[in-house]
Amino acid sequence: MNPKVSIIVPIYNMERYLDRCLRSLLAQTLEDIEIVAVDDGSTDSSLRVLERYARKDPRVKIVSKSNAGVSAARNDGIKAASGHYIGFADPDDWVEADMYAEMYDAALTDNVDIVMCGYIREFGTHSKEKAFPLPHKQTYRMDKVKSGMLRRLIGPLGNETGNPEYLDAWGTVWSKLYRSGLIKGHSLAFTDLSIIGSNEDTLFNMHAFYYAESFQFLNRSYYHYWRANETSITSSYNEKLPDRFEKLYGFMEGFIDNKQLAGEYKTALNNRISMNVIGLGLNVMNGGKALPPAKKLKEIGALLRRDRIRQSLKRLDAAGSPFIWRAFFLCAKYRLVPAVYLMLAAMDRMRIRKAGRTRVGTGSDLAGGHHHESRRARNHADELLPSNGQKQNSV
């Protein structure tokens, strides 16, 4: 018989964290599961760790392949998964013992295609729960799945622009459980990160939520999202990120056009592009010694002159944002490069001081498979200021 839930774990050189992840998955109170562990050509002892677990527990199913990146690994995991529902976990994260029992029960009881839970960010020295402004249980059906979730995945509207820290919080795949037929019936797959640089989760979820007829959010934090590594946050500059984000926006724009979605979706994408100036600007600031101040100023100027960004900032309505964000986007709109640079420098110092052991960039030990992949490259606004913009966030 097929298991109730398949949990796909893409792995590349994660020997330091793999035990913790696998122990948490095998300790689930929902015992009828399979763990599809996809070894993406690891060169450390990750595969040996997997084989040791597989000998002890037949629920561990190993897929061994040559290195091709986290998206390809997840896609191969989907092909190998046989559960009625599919979940995803990253190998440096861990989950609460009742996570999949609670989510599976919710999926069956309320007959929903996708279930999502909250999560806790783990920084090594401290933890911070991601707070979602919703009741304990929120359910969307039929058209409300699109208006309530799909559009939110594409970008913010109205007062949502005042909370850039939520830009990608809804788009993670590891916080969700999907009906297997939804994924396999529509041949859903992850886009290669070497093409888009980041947000492969969001792209995947855009397609999933387009076809889903029901969605339920459980406002309980079952997932632990590990963000502590010994490598400094200042080493994560990725010079290719702006070009890859251009391709990401192209994919999103093509999705909107292909599905003939309403005009508000284009407005939401426009707002996303504007919000992403924060993350792309911080990417420049991450250049450290490799990018002296004069070079950073030049890079920021070039970023703000990009046609898609320039046009998006012109159309951005940030009236719902706190003063600090309105000031930032106004300076970006008028390409006041020194002012934008100074604000980004302040954000960067704050980020390093409050989460200095967090790596948000590239590296050989990410769950992805290529040195250029950036599994944690998001908007980073959740590391900077709270939504009222008045003092530093605790992270």
Protein backbone atom coordinates (compact mmCIF):
# COMPACT_ATOMS: atom_id res chain seq x y z
CA MET A 1 0.00 0.00 0.00
CA ASN A 2 1.09 3.53 -0.67
CA PRO A 3 2.14 5.56 2.39
CA LYS A 4 0.00 8.44 3.57
CA VAL A 5 2.78 11.02 3.16
CA SER A 6 6.01 11.20 1.18
CA ILE A 7 8.59 13.71 2.47
CA ILE A 8 11.17 14.74 -0.13
CA VAL A 9 14.60 15.81 1.16
CA PRO A 10 17.15 17.14 -1.40
CA ILE A 11 20.70 16.61 -0.10
CA TYR A 12 24.09 17.88 -1.17
CA ASN A 13 27.03 17.72 1.26
CA MET A 14 24.92 18.07 4.38
CA GLU A 15 26.62 15.53 6.67
CA ARG A 16 26.75 18.05 9.54
CA TYR A 17 22.96 18.44 9.74
CA LEU A 18 21.49 15.29 8.22
CA ASP A 19 21.17 13.28 11.45
CA ARG A 20 19.11 16.01 13.08
CA CYS A 21 16.76 16.26 10.10
CA LEU A 22 16.28 12.51 9.64
CA ARG A 23 15.75 11.88 13.35
CA SER A 24 12.96 14.45 13.42
CA LEU A 25 11.29 12.94 10.35
CA LEU A 26 11.51 9.35 11.58
CA ALA A 27 10.12 10.42 14.96
CA GLN A 28 6.84 11.60 13.43
CA THR A 29 3.71 10.49 15.24
CA LEU A 30 2.34 9.77 11.77
CA GLU A 31 4.26 6.56 11.14
CA ASP A 32 2.86 5.72 7.71
CA ILE A 33 5.33 7.89 5.80
CA GLU A 34 8.23 7.51 3.42
CA ILE A 35 11.29 9.75 3.34
CA VAL A 36 12.49 10.23 -0.22
CA ALA A 37 16.11 11.24 0.38
CA VAL A 38 17.63 12.50 -2.86
CA ASP A 39 21.42 12.54 -2.71
CA ASP A 40 22.46 15.08 -5.33
CA GLY A 41 25.98 13.80 -5.96
CA SER A 42 27.33 14.59 -2.48
CA THR A 43 31.11 14.44 -2.10
CA ASP A 44 31.05 14.18 1.71
CA SER A 45 29.59 11.33 3.81
CA SER A 46 25.94 12.30 3.27
CA LEU A 47 25.17 9.20 1.20
CA ARG A 48 26.74 6.94 3.84
CA VAL A 49 24.57 8.59 6.50
CA LEU A 50 21.50 7.92 4.36
CA GLU A 51 22.47 4.30 3.79
CA ARG A 52 22.92 3.80 7.54
CA TYR A 53 19.41 5.10 8.19
CA ALA A 54 17.92 3.10 5.30
CA ARG A 55 19.35 -0.14 6.75
CA LYS A 56 17.61 0.57 10.05
CA ASP A 57 14.31 1.91 8.73
CA PRO A 58 12.71 0.84 5.42
CA ARG A 59 10.78 4.12 5.32
CA VAL A 60 13.97 5.83 4.12
CA LYS A 61 14.03 5.61 0.33
CA ILE A 62 17.29 6.77 -1.28
CA VAL A 63 17.51 8.31 -4.73
CA SER A 64 21.16 8.73 -5.72
CA LYS A 65 22.00 10.94 -8.70
CA SER A 66 24.70 13.07 -10.21
CA ASN A 67 24.84 16.67 -9.08
CA ALA A 68 22.27 18.88 -10.80
CA GLY A 69 20.97 21.26 -8.12
CA VAL A 70 18.17 21.44 -5.59
CA SER A 71 15.40 21.91 -8.16
CA ALA A 72 16.39 18.80 -10.13
CA ALA A 73 16.74 16.86 -6.87
CA ARG A 74 13.24 17.82 -5.77
CA ASN A 75 11.87 16.94 -9.21
CA ASP A 76 13.44 13.49 -9.03
CA GLY A 77 12.01 13.15 -5.54
CA ILE A 78 8.52 13.89 -6.85
CA LYS A 79 8.90 11.13 -9.46
CA ALA A 80 9.95 8.65 -6.77
CA ALA A 81 7.29 9.66 -4.22
CA SER A 82 4.37 7.24 -3.79
CA GLY A 83 2.46 8.88 -0.93
CA HIS A 84 -1.08 10.22 -1.11
CA TYR A 85 0.33 13.58 0.00
CA ILE A 86 3.77 15.10 -0.61
CA GLY A 87 5.80 17.31 1.66
CA PHE A 88 9.29 18.80 1.39
CA ALA A 89 12.00 19.28 4.01
CA ASP A 90 15.48 20.73 3.71
CA PRO A 91 18.30 18.65 5.24
CA ASP A 92 19.56 21.35 7.62
CA ASP A 93 16.07 21.92 9.05
CA TRP A 94 13.95 19.83 11.40
CA VAL A 95 10.28 19.43 12.27
CA GLU A 96 8.07 18.94 15.31
CA ALA A 97 7.03 15.34 15.97
CA ASP A 98 3.35 15.96 15.21
CA MET A 99 3.82 18.16 12.12
CA TYR A 100 2.77 15.69 9.44
CA ALA A 101 0.10 14.02 11.59
CA GLU A 102 -1.60 17.38 12.17
CA MET A 103 -1.30 18.51 8.56
CA TYR A 104 -2.41 15.18 7.11
CA ASP A 105 -5.38 15.07 9.48
CA ALA A 106 -6.35 18.61 8.43
CA ALA A 107 -6.04 17.68 4.75
CA LEU A 108 -8.33 14.67 5.15
CA THR A 109 -10.81 16.14 7.61
CA ASP A 110 -11.44 19.28 5.59
CA ASN A 111 -10.67 17.75 2.17
CA VAL A 112 -8.09 20.31 1.04
CA ASP A 113 -5.42 20.13 -1.66
CA ILE A 114 -2.72 22.12 0.16
CA VAL A 115 -2.11 22.59 3.89
CA MET A 116 0.42 25.09 5.25
CA CYS A 117 1.79 25.58 8.76
CA GLY A 118 3.89 28.29 10.39
CA TYR A 119 7.60 28.04 11.10
CA ILE A 120 10.35 29.07 13.48
CA ARG A 121 13.63 30.60 12.32
CA GLU A 122 16.60 29.09 14.15
CA PHE A 123 19.73 31.23 14.48
CA GLY A 124 21.82 28.97 16.68
CA THR A 125 21.89 31.39 19.60
CA HIS A 126 18.17 32.16 19.50
CA SER A 127 14.90 31.32 17.77
CA LYS A 128 12.22 33.56 16.30
CA GLU A 129 8.75 32.42 15.32
CA LYS A 130 7.39 33.82 12.07
CA ALA A 131 4.11 35.44 13.04
CA PHE A 132 1.28 35.28 10.50
CA PRO A 133 -1.68 37.67 11.09
CA LEU A 134 -4.35 34.99 10.68
CA PRO A 135 -6.55 32.91 13.00
CA HIS A 136 -5.57 29.38 14.03
CA LYS A 137 -7.26 27.87 10.98
CA GLN A 138 -7.97 29.72 7.73
CA THR A 139 -9.48 27.88 4.76
CA TYR A 140 -9.84 29.09 1.16
CA ARG A 141 -11.88 27.30 -1.51
CA MET A 142 -12.32 27.66 -5.27
CA ASP A 143 -11.85 31.26 -6.49
CA LYS A 144 -10.71 32.40 -3.05
CA VAL A 145 -7.61 30.23 -3.41
CA LYS A 146 -6.53 32.48 -6.26
CA SER A 147 -7.64 35.79 -4.78
CA GLY A 148 -6.43 34.91 -1.30
CA MET A 149 -3.20 33.05 -2.02
CA LEU A 150 -2.10 32.95 -5.67
CA ARG A 151 -2.11 36.73 -6.00
CA ARG A 152 -0.28 37.05 -2.67
CA LEU A 153 2.45 34.73 -3.96
CA ILE A 154 2.95 36.94 -7.01
CA GLY A 155 3.25 40.14 -5.00
CA PRO A 156 1.71 42.50 -2.43
CA LEU A 157 -1.16 44.94 -2.91
CA GLY A 158 -2.30 47.94 -0.88
CA ASN A 159 -1.38 47.77 2.78
CA GLU A 160 0.56 44.56 2.16
CA THR A 161 3.37 46.70 0.76
CA GLY A 162 3.88 47.92 4.33
CA ASN A 163 5.10 44.45 5.30
CA PRO A 164 7.89 43.51 2.88
CA GLU A 165 9.01 40.87 5.39
CA TYR A 166 6.08 38.70 4.20
CA LEU A 167 7.01 38.91 0.53
CA ASP A 168 8.26 35.31 0.37
CA ALA A 169 7.02 33.90 3.67
CA TRP A 170 3.97 32.40 1.94
CA GLY A 171 5.99 30.86 -0.90
CA THR A 172 8.04 28.21 0.91
CA VAL A 173 7.41 24.57 -0.03
CA TRP A 174 8.78 23.03 3.17
CA SER A 175 5.91 24.48 5.22
CA LYS A 176 3.27 22.75 3.09
CA LEU A 177 1.65 19.42 2.39
CA TYR A 178 0.30 18.86 -1.15
CA ARG A 179 -2.17 16.33 -2.49
CA SER A 180 -0.05 14.07 -4.68
CA GLY A 181 -2.57 14.17 -7.51
CA LEU A 182 -2.30 17.96 -7.64
CA ILE A 183 1.45 17.82 -8.26
CA LYS A 184 1.64 14.75 -10.47
CA GLY A 185 -1.65 15.32 -12.27
CA HIS A 186 -0.46 18.72 -13.50
CA SER A 187 3.21 17.74 -13.94
CA LEU A 188 4.36 20.46 -11.55
CA ALA A 189 8.13 20.88 -11.35
CA PHE A 190 10.77 23.21 -9.92
CA THR A 191 12.65 25.65 -12.15
CA ASP A 192 16.45 25.41 -12.21
CA LEU A 193 18.01 27.94 -9.83
CA SER A 194 20.89 28.50 -12.23
CA ILE A 195 18.30 30.25 -14.42
CA ILE A 196 16.31 32.29 -11.90
CA GLY A 197 18.72 32.57 -8.94
CA SER A 198 16.05 32.29 -6.23
CA ASN A 199 12.32 31.89 -5.53
CA GLU A 200 11.98 28.48 -7.12
CA ASP A 201 9.59 27.70 -4.26
CA THR A 202 7.34 30.62 -5.15
CA LEU A 203 7.23 29.70 -8.85
CA PHE A 204 6.31 26.13 -7.96
CA ASN A 205 3.59 27.32 -5.60
CA MET A 206 2.16 29.74 -8.14
CA HIS A 207 1.35 26.79 -10.39
CA ALA A 208 0.19 24.62 -7.47
CA PHE A 209 -2.21 27.29 -6.18
CA TYR A 210 -3.50 28.02 -9.68
CA TYR A 211 -4.73 24.41 -9.96
CA ALA A 212 -5.66 23.88 -6.30
CA GLU A 213 -9.34 24.02 -5.39
CA SER A 214 -8.73 24.34 -1.66
CA PHE A 215 -6.09 25.54 0.79
CA GLN A 216 -5.85 25.60 4.58
CA PHE A 217 -3.43 27.51 6.79
CA LEU A 218 -2.74 26.17 10.27
CA ASN A 219 -1.33 28.95 12.39
CA ARG A 220 0.97 26.68 14.37
CA SER A 221 4.73 26.56 13.94
CA TYR A 222 5.77 22.97 13.28
CA TYR A 223 8.81 23.58 11.05
CA HIS A 224 12.27 24.75 12.20
CA TYR A 225 14.09 26.73 9.54
CA TRP A 226 17.85 26.66 10.25
CA ARG A 227 19.70 29.86 9.45
CA ALA A 228 22.85 29.55 11.56
CA ASN A 229 26.15 28.79 9.87
CA GLU A 230 29.67 29.80 10.68
CA THR A 231 30.22 31.64 7.42
CA SER A 232 29.63 35.38 7.60
CA ILE A 233 26.63 36.98 5.94
CA THR A 234 29.02 39.42 4.26
CA SER A 235 30.44 36.75 1.95
CA SER A 236 27.30 36.10 -0.07
CA TYR A 237 27.52 38.61 -2.95
CA ASN A 238 26.15 37.17 -6.18
CA GLU A 239 26.91 39.33 -9.20
CA LYS A 240 24.54 37.31 -11.40
CA LEU A 241 21.51 37.79 -9.16
CA PRO A 242 20.02 40.88 -10.92
CA ASP A 243 20.08 39.12 -14.30
CA ARG A 244 18.56 35.98 -12.82
CA PHE A 245 15.83 37.98 -11.14
CA GLU A 246 15.05 39.49 -14.55
CA LYS A 247 14.44 35.94 -15.76
CA LEU A 248 12.38 35.18 -12.68
CA TYR A 249 10.15 38.19 -13.39
CA GLY A 250 9.87 37.02 -16.99
CA PHE A 251 8.61 33.62 -15.80
CA MET A 252 6.08 35.30 -13.52
CA GLU A 253 4.92 37.68 -16.23
CA GLY A 254 4.57 34.79 -18.66
CA PHE A 255 2.52 32.86 -16.10
CA ILE A 256 0.15 35.82 -15.63
CA ASP A 257 -0.28 36.27 -19.38
CA ASN A 258 -0.61 32.55 -20.11
CA LYS A 259 -3.28 32.08 -17.46
CA GLN A 260 -5.02 35.32 -18.50
CA LEU A 261 -5.14 36.59 -14.93
CA ALA A 262 -6.69 39.93 -13.99
CA GLY A 263 -4.83 43.22 -13.98
CA GLU A 264 -4.30 43.17 -10.21
CA TYR A 265 -1.85 40.31 -10.69
CA LYS A 266 0.34 42.52 -12.86
CA THR A 267 0.15 45.25 -10.24
CA ALA A 268 1.18 42.70 -7.62
CA LEU A 269 4.16 41.63 -9.74
CA ASN A 270 5.12 45.25 -10.25
CA ASN A 271 5.10 45.71 -6.48
CA ARG A 272 7.19 42.57 -5.99
CA ILE A 273 9.82 43.92 -8.38
CA SER A 274 9.95 47.16 -6.41
CA MET A 275 10.16 45.32 -3.07
CA ASN A 276 12.99 43.17 -4.39
CA VAL A 277 15.16 46.27 -4.72
CA ILE A 278 15.80 45.75 -1.01
CA GLY A 279 17.20 42.25 -1.47
CA LEU A 280 19.11 43.12 -4.64
CA GLY A 281 20.58 46.19 -2.97
CA LEU A 282 21.67 44.15 0.05
CA ASN A 283 23.23 41.67 -2.34
CA VAL A 284 25.48 44.52 -3.54
CA MET A 285 26.29 45.48 0.06
CA ASN A 286 27.34 41.88 0.68
CA GLY A 287 30.31 42.41 -1.63
CA GLY A 288 32.51 43.24 1.37
CA LYS A 289 36.14 43.93 0.51
CA ALA A 290 35.60 42.64 -3.01
CA LEU A 291 33.42 45.67 -3.71
CA PRO A 292 34.81 48.99 -2.41
CA PRO A 293 32.27 51.80 -1.72
CA ALA A 294 32.77 53.41 -5.14
CA LYS A 295 32.04 50.09 -6.84
CA LYS A 296 28.96 49.52 -4.67
CA LEU A 297 27.63 52.95 -5.57
CA LYS A 298 28.14 52.14 -9.24
CA GLU A 299 26.38 48.76 -8.88
CA ILE A 300 23.42 50.31 -7.06
CA GLY A 301 23.14 53.00 -9.73
CA ALA A 302 23.15 50.36 -12.45
CA LEU A 303 20.51 48.39 -10.54
CA LEU A 304 18.19 51.40 -10.28
CA ARG A 305 18.64 52.19 -13.98
CA ARG A 306 17.43 48.75 -15.06
CA ASP A 307 14.34 49.39 -17.15
CA ARG A 308 12.06 46.89 -15.40
CA ILE A 309 13.01 48.18 -11.96
CA ARG A 310 12.77 51.82 -13.05
CA GLN A 311 9.28 51.32 -14.48
CA SER A 312 8.10 49.34 -11.47
CA LEU A 313 9.26 52.00 -9.01
CA LYS A 314 7.39 54.63 -11.04
CA ARG A 315 4.15 52.68 -10.64
CA LEU A 316 4.64 51.60 -7.02
CA ASP A 317 2.03 52.89 -4.60
CA ALA A 318 3.72 52.67 -1.19
CA ALA A 319 1.06 54.67 0.65
CA GLY A 320 0.42 51.67 2.90
CA SER A 321 4.06 51.44 3.92
CA PRO A 322 5.65 52.96 7.04
CA PHE A 323 7.76 56.07 6.61
CA ILE A 324 11.10 54.25 6.49
CA TRP A 325 10.06 52.17 3.48
CA ARG A 326 8.34 55.08 1.71
CA ALA A 327 11.57 57.08 2.05
CA PHE A 328 13.63 54.20 0.70
CA PHE A 329 11.42 53.59 -2.34
CA LEU A 330 11.13 57.31 -3.07
CA CYS A 331 14.92 57.63 -3.14
CA ALA A 332 15.12 54.51 -5.32
CA LYS A 333 12.46 55.88 -7.68
CA TYR A 334 14.39 59.10 -8.27
CA ARG A 335 17.69 57.21 -8.39
CA LEU A 336 19.21 59.11 -5.47
CA VAL A 337 22.06 56.63 -5.37
CA PRO A 338 24.01 58.04 -2.37
CA ALA A 339 20.85 58.09 -0.23
CA VAL A 340 19.89 54.54 -1.25
CA TYR A 341 23.46 53.42 -0.56
CA LEU A 342 23.45 54.92 2.94
CA MET A 343 20.10 53.32 3.81
CA LEU A 344 21.23 49.95 2.51
CA ALA A 345 24.49 50.28 4.46
CA ALA A 346 22.48 50.93 7.63
CA MET A 347 20.27 47.93 6.90
CA ASP A 348 23.32 45.77 6.27
CA ARG A 349 25.03 46.77 9.53
CA MET A 350 21.81 46.07 11.42
CA ARG A 351 21.46 42.71 9.72
CA ILE A 352 25.01 41.64 10.52
CA ARG A 353 24.74 42.78 14.13
CA LYS A 354 21.45 41.00 14.76
CA ALA A 355 22.03 37.85 12.66
CA GLY A 356 25.74 37.84 11.94
CA ARG A 357 26.07 34.07 12.00
CA THR A 358 23.44 33.63 9.33
CA ARG A 359 24.47 32.89 5.82
CA VAL A 360 21.94 33.91 3.20
CA GLY A 361 24.02 33.40 0.11
CA THR A 362 25.87 30.75 -1.84
CA GLY A 363 28.09 27.96 -0.63
CA SER A 364 29.03 24.35 -1.11
CA ASP A 365 27.02 23.04 1.84
CA LEU A 366 23.61 24.33 0.84
CA ALA A 367 20.80 21.89 0.22
CA GLY A 368 21.09 22.83 -3.43
CA GLY A 369 23.67 21.28 -5.65
CA HIS A 370 25.67 24.03 -7.30
CA HIS A 371 28.04 26.56 -5.81
CA HIS A 372 26.06 29.35 -7.48
CA GLU A 373 22.74 28.36 -5.96
CA SER A 374 21.34 30.49 -3.18
CA ARG A 375 18.75 28.51 -1.26
CA ARG A 376 18.26 31.25 1.32
CA ALA A 377 18.33 34.25 -1.03
CA ARG A 378 15.07 36.00 -0.31
CA ASN A 379 13.99 39.57 0.26
CA HIS A 380 15.75 39.70 3.67
CA ALA A 381 13.39 42.40 4.94
CA ASP A 382 12.48 40.16 7.86
CA GLU A 383 16.04 40.65 9.13
CA LEU A 384 15.94 44.43 9.11
CA LEU A 385 13.04 46.34 10.61
CA PRO A 386 9.65 45.49 12.04
CA SER A 387 6.66 46.58 10.03
CA ASN A 388 6.32 49.82 12.00
CA GLY A 389 9.82 50.74 10.90
CA GLN A 390 10.76 52.28 14.26
CA LYS A 391 13.34 49.96 15.74
CA GLN A 392 15.48 46.96 14.94
CA ASN A 393 13.95 43.56 14.67
CA SER A 394 15.07 40.98 17.18
CA VAL A 395 16.57 38.94 14.41
